[in-house]
Amino acid sequence: MNSENSITILFLASDPSDASRLRLGQELRDIQQRLQLAKQREKFVL
């Protein structure tokens, strides 16, 4: 893959201990799944 033509997506997550449980793992899996379904999926690096 040519890095000049790719789009890098940085996924940052934080789960504060005093907040209700976040579904960060599920959110990441959802993003990965959507990227795999994209027409130009080879352009994205997560």
PDB file of N, CA and C in Angstrom:
ATOM      1  N   MET A   1       0.855  -1.188   0.000  1.00  0.00           N
ATOM      2  CA  MET A   1       0.000   0.000   0.000  1.00  0.00           C
ATOM      3  C   MET A   1       0.888   1.234   0.000  1.00  0.00           C
ATOM      4  N   ASN A   2       0.579   2.182  -0.813  1.00  0.00           N
ATOM      5  CA  ASN A   2       1.320   3.428  -0.890  1.00  0.00           C
ATOM      6  C   ASN A   2       0.828   4.363   0.197  1.00  0.00           C
ATOM      7  N   SER A   3       1.698   4.700   1.140  1.00  0.00           N
ATOM      8  CA  SER A   3       1.287   5.526   2.282  1.00  0.00           C
ATOM      9  C   SER A   3       0.895   6.936   1.865  1.00  0.00           C
ATOM     10  N   GLU A   4       1.380   7.396   0.702  1.00  0.00           N
ATOM     11  CA  GLU A   4       1.007   8.724   0.227  1.00  0.00           C
ATOM     12  C   GLU A   4      -0.464   8.786  -0.174  1.00  0.00           C
ATOM     13  N   ASN A   5      -1.014   7.683  -0.595  1.00  0.00           N
ATOM     14  CA  ASN A   5      -2.404   7.646  -1.050  1.00  0.00           C
ATOM     15  C   ASN A   5      -3.359   7.102  -0.006  1.00  0.00           C
ATOM     16  N   SER A   6      -2.858   6.727   1.155  1.00  0.00           N
ATOM     17  CA  SER A   6      -3.728   6.141   2.170  1.00  0.00           C
ATOM     18  C   SER A   6      -4.180   7.201   3.173  1.00  0.00           C
ATOM     19  N   ILE A   7      -5.274   6.893   3.823  1.00  0.00           N
ATOM     20  CA  ILE A   7      -5.829   7.754   4.873  1.00  0.00           C
ATOM     21  C   ILE A   7      -5.682   6.993   6.178  1.00  0.00           C
ATOM     22  N   THR A   8      -4.933   7.556   7.103  1.00  0.00           N
ATOM     23  CA  THR A   8      -4.722   6.913   8.399  1.00  0.00           C
ATOM     24  C   THR A   8      -5.758   7.428   9.387  1.00  0.00           C
ATOM     25  N   ILE A   9      -6.405   6.489  10.059  1.00  0.00           N
ATOM     26  CA  ILE A   9      -7.406   6.820  11.069  1.00  0.00           C
ATOM     27  C   ILE A   9      -6.842   6.405  12.424  1.00  0.00           C
ATOM     28  N   LEU A  10      -6.746   7.360  13.324  1.00  0.00           N
ATOM     29  CA  LEU A  10      -6.246   7.093  14.664  1.00  0.00           C
ATOM     30  C   LEU A  10      -7.433   6.981  15.606  1.00  0.00           C
ATOM     31  N   PHE A  11      -7.579   5.828  16.243  1.00  0.00           N
ATOM     32  CA  PHE A  11      -8.674   5.593  17.184  1.00  0.00           C
ATOM     33  C   PHE A  11      -8.107   5.694  18.590  1.00  0.00           C
ATOM     34  N   LEU A  12      -8.500   6.717  19.310  1.00  0.00           N
ATOM     35  CA  LEU A  12      -8.084   6.898  20.702  1.00  0.00           C
ATOM     36  C   LEU A  12      -9.287   6.685  21.604  1.00  0.00           C
ATOM     37  N   ALA A  13      -9.070   5.995  22.696  1.00  0.00           N
ATOM     38  CA  ALA A  13     -10.179   5.724  23.602  1.00  0.00           C
ATOM     39  C   ALA A  13      -9.713   5.862  25.047  1.00  0.00           C
ATOM     40  N   SER A  14     -10.617   6.315  25.873  1.00  0.00           N
ATOM     41  CA  SER A  14     -10.342   6.430  27.293  1.00  0.00           C
ATOM     42  C   SER A  14     -11.602   6.033  28.037  1.00  0.00           C
ATOM     43  N   ASP A  15     -11.449   5.237  29.058  1.00  0.00           N
ATOM     44  CA  ASP A  15     -12.591   4.757  29.830  1.00  0.00           C
ATOM     45  C   ASP A  15     -12.389   5.181  31.286  1.00  0.00           C
ATOM     46  N   PRO A  16     -12.879   6.374  31.658  1.00  0.00           N
ATOM     47  CA  PRO A  16     -12.700   6.840  33.033  1.00  0.00           C
ATOM     48  C   PRO A  16     -13.353   5.883  34.037  1.00  0.00           C
ATOM     49  N   SER A  17     -12.698   5.669  35.140  1.00  0.00           N
ATOM     50  CA  SER A  17     -13.207   4.703  36.119  1.00  0.00           C
ATOM     51  C   SER A  17     -14.487   5.175  36.801  1.00  0.00           C
ATOM     52  N   ASP A  18     -14.739   6.474  36.829  1.00  0.00           N
ATOM     53  CA  ASP A  18     -15.931   6.968  37.506  1.00  0.00           C
ATOM     54  C   ASP A  18     -17.142   7.106  36.579  1.00  0.00           C
ATOM     55  N   ALA A  19     -16.995   6.721  35.335  1.00  0.00           N
ATOM     56  CA  ALA A  19     -18.104   6.818  34.373  1.00  0.00           C
ATOM     57  C   ALA A  19     -18.749   5.448  34.182  1.00  0.00           C
ATOM     58  N   SER A  20     -19.938   5.444  33.651  1.00  0.00           N
ATOM     59  CA  SER A  20     -20.578   4.164  33.346  1.00  0.00           C
ATOM     60  C   SER A  20     -19.763   3.460  32.262  1.00  0.00           C
ATOM     61  N   ARG A  21     -19.852   2.173  32.217  1.00  0.00           N
ATOM     62  CA  ARG A  21     -19.044   1.354  31.302  1.00  0.00           C
ATOM     63  C   ARG A  21     -19.280   1.751  29.845  1.00  0.00           C
ATOM     64  N   LEU A  22     -18.192   2.078  29.150  1.00  0.00           N
ATOM     65  CA  LEU A  22     -18.275   2.431  27.740  1.00  0.00           C
ATOM     66  C   LEU A  22     -18.038   1.183  26.891  1.00  0.00           C
ATOM     67  N   ARG A  23     -18.553   1.185  25.695  1.00  0.00           N
ATOM     68  CA  ARG A  23     -18.409   0.036  24.796  1.00  0.00           C
ATOM     69  C   ARG A  23     -17.345   0.337  23.746  1.00  0.00           C
ATOM     70  N   LEU A  24     -16.132   0.613  24.196  1.00  0.00           N
ATOM     71  CA  LEU A  24     -15.058   1.034  23.303  1.00  0.00           C
ATOM     72  C   LEU A  24     -14.635  -0.084  22.357  1.00  0.00           C
ATOM     73  N   GLY A  25     -14.551  -1.306  22.849  1.00  0.00           N
ATOM     74  CA  GLY A  25     -14.189  -2.436  21.999  1.00  0.00           C
ATOM     75  C   GLY A  25     -15.202  -2.649  20.894  1.00  0.00           C
ATOM     76  N   GLN A  26     -16.467  -2.550  21.244  1.00  0.00           N
ATOM     77  CA  GLN A  26     -17.523  -2.715  20.247  1.00  0.00           C
ATOM     78  C   GLN A  26     -17.500  -1.579  19.243  1.00  0.00           C
ATOM     79  N   GLU A  27     -17.233  -0.379  19.702  1.00  0.00           N
ATOM     80  CA  GLU A  27     -17.157   0.769  18.793  1.00  0.00           C
ATOM     81  C   GLU A  27     -16.013   0.583  17.789  1.00  0.00           C
ATOM     82  N   LEU A  28     -14.869   0.104  18.243  1.00  0.00           N
ATOM     83  CA  LEU A  28     -13.741  -0.150  17.354  1.00  0.00           C
ATOM     84  C   LEU A  28     -14.095  -1.229  16.334  1.00  0.00           C
ATOM     85  N   ARG A  29     -14.732  -2.309  16.776  1.00  0.00           N
ATOM     86  CA  ARG A  29     -15.134  -3.372  15.851  1.00  0.00           C
ATOM     87  C   ARG A  29     -16.131  -2.860  14.815  1.00  0.00           C
ATOM     88  N   ASP A  30     -17.049  -1.983  15.236  1.00  0.00           N
ATOM     89  CA  ASP A  30     -18.015  -1.399  14.307  1.00  0.00           C
ATOM     90  C   ASP A  30     -17.316  -0.564  13.235  1.00  0.00           C
ATOM     91  N   ILE A  31     -16.327   0.213  13.639  1.00  0.00           N
ATOM     92  CA  ILE A  31     -15.575   1.036  12.687  1.00  0.00           C
ATOM     93  C   ILE A  31     -14.812   0.142  11.712  1.00  0.00           C
ATOM     94  N   GLN A  32     -14.161  -0.894  12.221  1.00  0.00           N
ATOM     95  CA  GLN A  32     -13.427  -1.817  11.358  1.00  0.00           C
ATOM     96  C   GLN A  32     -14.353  -2.487  10.352  1.00  0.00           C
ATOM     97  N   GLN A  33     -15.523  -2.890  10.811  1.00  0.00           N
ATOM     98  CA  GLN A  33     -16.489  -3.543   9.925  1.00  0.00           C
ATOM     99  C   GLN A  33     -16.952  -2.584   8.827  1.00  0.00           C
ATOM    100  N   ARG A  34     -17.242  -1.355   9.176  1.00  0.00           N
ATOM    101  CA  ARG A  34     -17.673  -0.360   8.189  1.00  0.00           C
ATOM    102  C   ARG A  34     -16.582  -0.076   7.169  1.00  0.00           C
ATOM    103  N   LEU A  35     -15.339  -0.023   7.632  1.00  0.00           N
ATOM    104  CA  LEU A  35     -14.237   0.205   6.705  1.00  0.00           C
ATOM    105  C   LEU A  35     -14.094  -0.955   5.728  1.00  0.00           C
ATOM    106  N   GLN A  36     -14.311  -2.174   6.190  1.00  0.00           N
ATOM    107  CA  GLN A  36     -14.223  -3.338   5.307  1.00  0.00           C
ATOM    108  C   GLN A  36     -15.317  -3.320   4.241  1.00  0.00           C
ATOM    109  N   LEU A  37     -16.437  -2.691   4.536  1.00  0.00           N
ATOM    110  CA  LEU A  37     -17.551  -2.611   3.589  1.00  0.00           C
ATOM    111  C   LEU A  37     -17.429  -1.420   2.634  1.00  0.00           C
ATOM    112  N   ALA A  38     -16.474  -0.523   2.901  1.00  0.00           N
ATOM    113  CA  ALA A  38     -16.315   0.681   2.081  1.00  0.00           C
ATOM    114  C   ALA A  38     -15.824   0.318   0.681  1.00  0.00           C
ATOM    115  N   LYS A  39     -16.249   1.081  -0.300  1.00  0.00           N
ATOM    116  CA  LYS A  39     -15.843   0.833  -1.683  1.00  0.00           C
ATOM    117  C   LYS A  39     -14.338   0.998  -1.870  1.00  0.00           C
ATOM    118  N   GLN A  40     -13.749   1.942  -1.197  1.00  0.00           N
ATOM    119  CA  GLN A  40     -12.314   2.193  -1.324  1.00  0.00           C
ATOM    120  C   GLN A  40     -11.584   1.811  -0.038  1.00  0.00           C
ATOM    121  N   ARG A  41     -11.911   0.649   0.499  1.00  0.00           N
ATOM    122  CA  ARG A  41     -11.384   0.214   1.794  1.00  0.00           C
ATOM    123  C   ARG A  41      -9.867   0.125   1.830  1.00  0.00           C
ATOM    124  N   GLU A  42      -9.231  -0.108   0.679  1.00  0.00           N
ATOM    125  CA  GLU A  42      -7.774  -0.226   0.649  1.00  0.00           C
ATOM    126  C   GLU A  42      -7.078   1.108   0.926  1.00  0.00           C
ATOM    127  N   LYS A  43      -7.817   2.206   0.881  1.00  0.00           N
ATOM    128  CA  LYS A  43      -7.219   3.515   1.139  1.00  0.00           C
ATOM    129  C   LYS A  43      -7.111   3.827   2.629  1.00  0.00           C
ATOM    130  N   PHE A  44      -7.786   3.058   3.472  1.00  0.00           N
ATOM    131  CA  PHE A  44      -7.858   3.379   4.902  1.00  0.00           C
ATOM    132  C   PHE A  44      -6.962   2.455   5.724  1.00  0.00           C
ATOM    133  N   VAL A  45      -6.263   3.063   6.669  1.00  0.00           N
ATOM    134  CA  VAL A  45      -5.450   2.326   7.641  1.00  0.00           C
ATOM    135  C   VAL A  45      -5.940   2.753   9.013  1.00  0.00           C
ATOM    136  N   LEU A  46      -6.397   1.780   9.788  1.00  0.00           N
ATOM    137  CA  LEU A  46      -6.913   2.080  11.126  1.00  0.00           C
ATOM    138  C   LEU A  46      -5.881   1.675  12.154  1.00  0.00           C
TER     139      LEU A  46
END
